[in-house]
Amino acid sequence: MIKKFKKRFGKSDREEAVDVKKRSGLREAVERVTDAITFAEAGFPEHAREILGEPETLGRKILVVGHEDTFSRPVIDYALGFAERMGYEIVALNVLHLPKDSKKVGPYCSLIAKEFQNTCEESIAEFYREAQERGIGFHHVVKVGDPDKCIKEVTDEIRRIEFVISEPEALPEVVAKGEEVVIPVYAVAAPA
């Protein structure tokens, strides 16, 4: 009986919806492969593999958040060891947090940000060199604003960040003395 109805009325709405999904899924797959081929031919094979999602470990990153313009030795050592063991790349983030009452520094914000950028680039050199020696991919980002918002922006902008490692809440003097500190590590929730 069902066969007679199908023959007489054609496909059901549900079956047509499944066919549309299959066609749009196929279209997206073809577009994704075409994009990957374009990047590969342009000399960006890593980006092509990332678009295709192959292999799963490729392009996975950890975000390491420094204390303003510096990274403490314990955080550098922990992040390098973590990235090396797990096969992750490192994204180092420095955040300049200007006070909400920035009317006093308003006219000088761009100068302060530029000086902060220069200081960060000088202080990141050792971290970058050690990552290169270990064969760990390394990116450096400098942001100005609220640290929580900056971390959110970076995780939205840079794909495949799976963990965030940040400076401990202990005072930098305690960390510098080499006393035992707990280094916070957070898992990044996948976008819904």
Protein backbone atom coordinates (compact mmCIF):
# COMPACT_ATOMS: atom_id res chain seq x y z
CA MET A 1 0.00 0.00 0.00
CA ILE A 2 2.81 2.40 0.87
CA LYS A 3 4.40 1.68 -2.48
CA LYS A 4 1.19 2.73 -4.21
CA PHE A 5 1.13 6.04 -2.32
CA LYS A 6 4.77 6.73 -3.09
CA LYS A 7 4.17 5.92 -6.73
CA ARG A 8 1.12 8.15 -6.89
CA PHE A 9 2.38 11.11 -4.83
CA GLY A 10 6.15 10.88 -5.28
CA LYS A 11 8.62 11.41 -2.47
CA SER A 12 7.49 12.47 0.96
CA ASP A 13 8.50 15.86 2.36
CA ARG A 14 10.89 14.11 4.71
CA GLU A 15 12.59 12.23 1.88
CA GLU A 16 12.92 15.46 -0.13
CA ALA A 17 14.44 17.20 2.89
CA VAL A 18 17.01 14.38 3.21
CA ASP A 19 17.85 14.72 -0.51
CA VAL A 20 18.32 18.50 -0.13
CA LYS A 21 20.61 17.94 2.86
CA LYS A 22 22.64 15.40 0.88
CA ARG A 23 22.99 17.83 -2.04
CA SER A 24 24.00 20.75 0.21
CA GLY A 25 26.41 18.49 2.13
CA LEU A 26 27.94 17.38 -1.14
CA ARG A 27 28.22 21.00 -2.30
CA GLU A 28 29.98 21.96 0.95
CA ALA A 29 32.35 19.01 0.62
CA VAL A 30 33.24 19.96 -2.97
CA GLU A 31 33.79 23.60 -1.94
CA ARG A 32 35.98 22.52 0.99
CA VAL A 33 38.11 20.29 -1.25
CA THR A 34 38.37 23.04 -3.88
CA ASP A 35 39.53 25.52 -1.21
CA ALA A 36 42.10 23.00 0.05
CA ILE A 37 43.43 22.43 -3.48
CA THR A 38 43.73 26.18 -4.02
CA PHE A 39 45.75 26.64 -0.83
CA ALA A 40 47.94 23.61 -1.58
CA GLU A 41 48.72 24.86 -5.08
CA ALA A 42 49.51 28.32 -3.68
CA GLY A 43 52.17 26.82 -1.40
CA PHE A 44 50.18 26.53 1.83
CA PRO A 45 49.84 22.77 2.35
CA GLU A 46 49.39 23.10 6.13
CA HIS A 47 46.34 25.30 5.65
CA ALA A 48 45.00 22.88 3.03
CA ARG A 49 45.31 19.97 5.47
CA GLU A 50 43.63 22.04 8.18
CA ILE A 51 40.68 22.75 5.87
CA LEU A 52 40.34 19.05 5.14
CA GLY A 53 40.78 18.20 8.80
CA GLU A 54 43.66 15.80 8.19
CA PRO A 55 45.29 14.49 10.26
CA GLU A 56 43.43 15.17 13.47
CA THR A 57 46.58 16.26 15.33
CA LEU A 58 47.57 18.79 12.69
CA GLY A 59 47.04 22.36 13.73
CA ARG A 60 45.93 21.70 17.30
CA LYS A 61 47.01 24.60 19.48
CA ILE A 62 47.40 25.72 23.06
CA LEU A 63 47.01 29.36 24.01
CA VAL A 64 49.62 30.53 26.52
CA VAL A 65 48.64 33.78 28.24
CA GLY A 66 51.49 35.77 29.72
CA HIS A 67 51.56 38.22 32.59
CA GLU A 68 51.25 41.47 30.64
CA ASP A 69 54.42 41.64 28.52
CA THR A 70 56.30 38.65 29.97
CA PHE A 71 56.09 34.91 30.42
CA SER A 72 57.47 33.34 33.58
CA ARG A 73 60.05 30.56 33.33
CA PRO A 74 57.70 27.94 34.88
CA VAL A 75 54.95 28.76 32.36
CA ILE A 76 57.40 28.62 29.43
CA ASP A 77 58.77 25.25 30.57
CA TYR A 78 55.31 23.82 31.22
CA ALA A 79 53.90 25.05 27.88
CA LEU A 80 56.87 23.72 25.89
CA GLY A 81 56.69 20.33 27.59
CA PHE A 82 52.92 20.12 27.14
CA ALA A 83 53.09 21.11 23.46
CA GLU A 84 55.96 18.71 22.77
CA ARG A 85 54.29 15.72 24.47
CA MET A 86 50.88 16.32 22.93
CA GLY A 87 51.95 17.48 19.45
CA TYR A 88 50.41 20.95 19.77
CA GLU A 89 51.44 24.33 18.40
CA ILE A 90 51.79 27.27 20.79
CA VAL A 91 49.97 30.58 20.48
CA ALA A 92 51.55 33.04 22.93
CA LEU A 93 49.29 35.92 23.97
CA ASN A 94 50.28 39.16 25.66
CA VAL A 95 47.45 41.41 26.82
CA LEU A 96 47.73 45.10 27.70
CA HIS A 97 44.89 45.84 30.06
CA LEU A 98 44.21 49.57 30.11
CA PRO A 99 42.09 50.78 33.01
CA LYS A 100 38.44 51.58 32.37
CA ASP A 101 39.16 55.15 33.44
CA SER A 102 41.54 55.63 30.53
CA LYS A 103 40.61 59.28 29.93
CA LYS A 104 43.97 60.24 31.41
CA VAL A 105 45.86 58.06 28.93
CA GLY A 106 43.35 58.35 26.07
CA PRO A 107 45.48 60.50 23.77
CA TYR A 108 48.49 58.25 24.41
CA CYS A 109 46.80 54.85 23.94
CA SER A 110 48.32 54.20 20.52
CA LEU A 111 51.80 55.13 21.78
CA ILE A 112 51.39 52.93 24.85
CA ALA A 113 50.15 50.04 22.69
CA LYS A 114 53.07 50.42 20.26
CA GLU A 115 55.61 50.46 23.10
CA PHE A 116 53.88 47.44 24.65
CA GLN A 117 54.09 45.60 21.31
CA ASN A 118 57.84 46.30 21.09
CA THR A 119 58.45 45.17 24.67
CA CYS A 120 56.46 41.96 24.06
CA GLU A 121 58.43 41.14 20.90
CA GLU A 122 61.71 41.52 22.81
CA SER A 123 60.53 39.39 25.74
CA ILE A 124 59.09 36.60 23.55
CA ALA A 125 62.38 35.91 21.74
CA GLU A 126 63.63 33.25 24.15
CA PHE A 127 60.25 31.46 24.25
CA TYR A 128 60.15 31.46 20.43
CA ARG A 129 63.74 30.21 20.11
CA GLU A 130 63.14 27.30 22.50
CA ALA A 131 59.96 26.31 20.63
CA GLN A 132 61.86 26.35 17.32
CA GLU A 133 64.64 24.17 18.79
CA ARG A 134 62.03 21.59 19.84
CA GLY A 135 60.21 21.74 16.50
CA ILE A 136 57.05 23.25 17.98
CA GLY A 137 54.96 25.62 15.85
CA PHE A 138 54.79 29.06 17.44
CA HIS A 139 52.61 32.15 16.92
CA HIS A 140 52.67 35.38 18.91
CA VAL A 141 49.65 37.66 19.39
CA VAL A 142 49.43 40.99 21.22
CA LYS A 143 46.04 42.41 22.21
CA VAL A 144 44.87 45.52 24.04
CA GLY A 145 41.78 45.33 26.22
CA ASP A 146 40.10 43.23 28.87
CA PRO A 147 42.08 39.97 29.24
CA ASP A 148 38.99 37.72 29.23
CA LYS A 149 37.63 39.37 26.08
CA CYS A 150 41.05 39.19 24.41
CA ILE A 151 41.32 35.46 25.15
CA LYS A 152 37.83 34.94 23.69
CA GLU A 153 38.76 36.93 20.57
CA VAL A 154 41.92 34.90 20.01
CA THR A 155 40.15 31.56 20.46
CA ASP A 156 37.50 32.73 17.96
CA GLU A 157 40.07 34.08 15.45
CA ILE A 158 42.59 31.25 15.60
CA ARG A 159 41.09 27.87 14.96
CA ARG A 160 41.74 24.66 16.87
CA ILE A 161 42.85 26.14 20.21
CA GLU A 162 42.06 23.34 22.63
CA PHE A 163 43.73 24.45 25.87
CA VAL A 164 44.63 27.71 27.61
CA ILE A 165 47.65 27.87 29.91
CA SER A 166 47.94 31.04 31.96
CA GLU A 167 50.27 32.61 34.43
CA PRO A 168 49.62 31.55 38.03
CA GLU A 169 47.73 33.85 40.35
CA ALA A 170 50.83 34.03 42.54
CA LEU A 171 52.76 37.26 42.47
CA PRO A 172 55.48 37.38 39.80
CA GLU A 173 58.11 37.64 42.58
CA VAL A 174 57.03 34.27 43.99
CA VAL A 175 57.17 32.69 40.54
CA ALA A 176 60.59 34.24 39.87
CA LYS A 177 61.99 32.76 43.11
CA GLY A 178 61.21 29.32 41.79
CA GLU A 179 58.83 28.40 44.60
CA GLU A 180 56.32 25.72 43.72
CA VAL A 181 53.30 27.21 41.96
CA VAL A 182 50.25 25.74 40.30
CA ILE A 183 49.97 26.61 36.61
CA PRO A 184 46.34 26.87 35.52
CA VAL A 185 45.33 24.90 32.42
CA TYR A 186 41.83 25.22 30.97
CA ALA A 187 40.13 23.21 28.22
CA VAL A 188 38.42 25.30 25.56
CA ALA A 189 34.82 24.29 24.93
CA ALA A 190 34.00 23.46 21.33
CA PRO A 191 31.67 25.98 19.68
CA ALA A 192 28.05 24.91 19.69
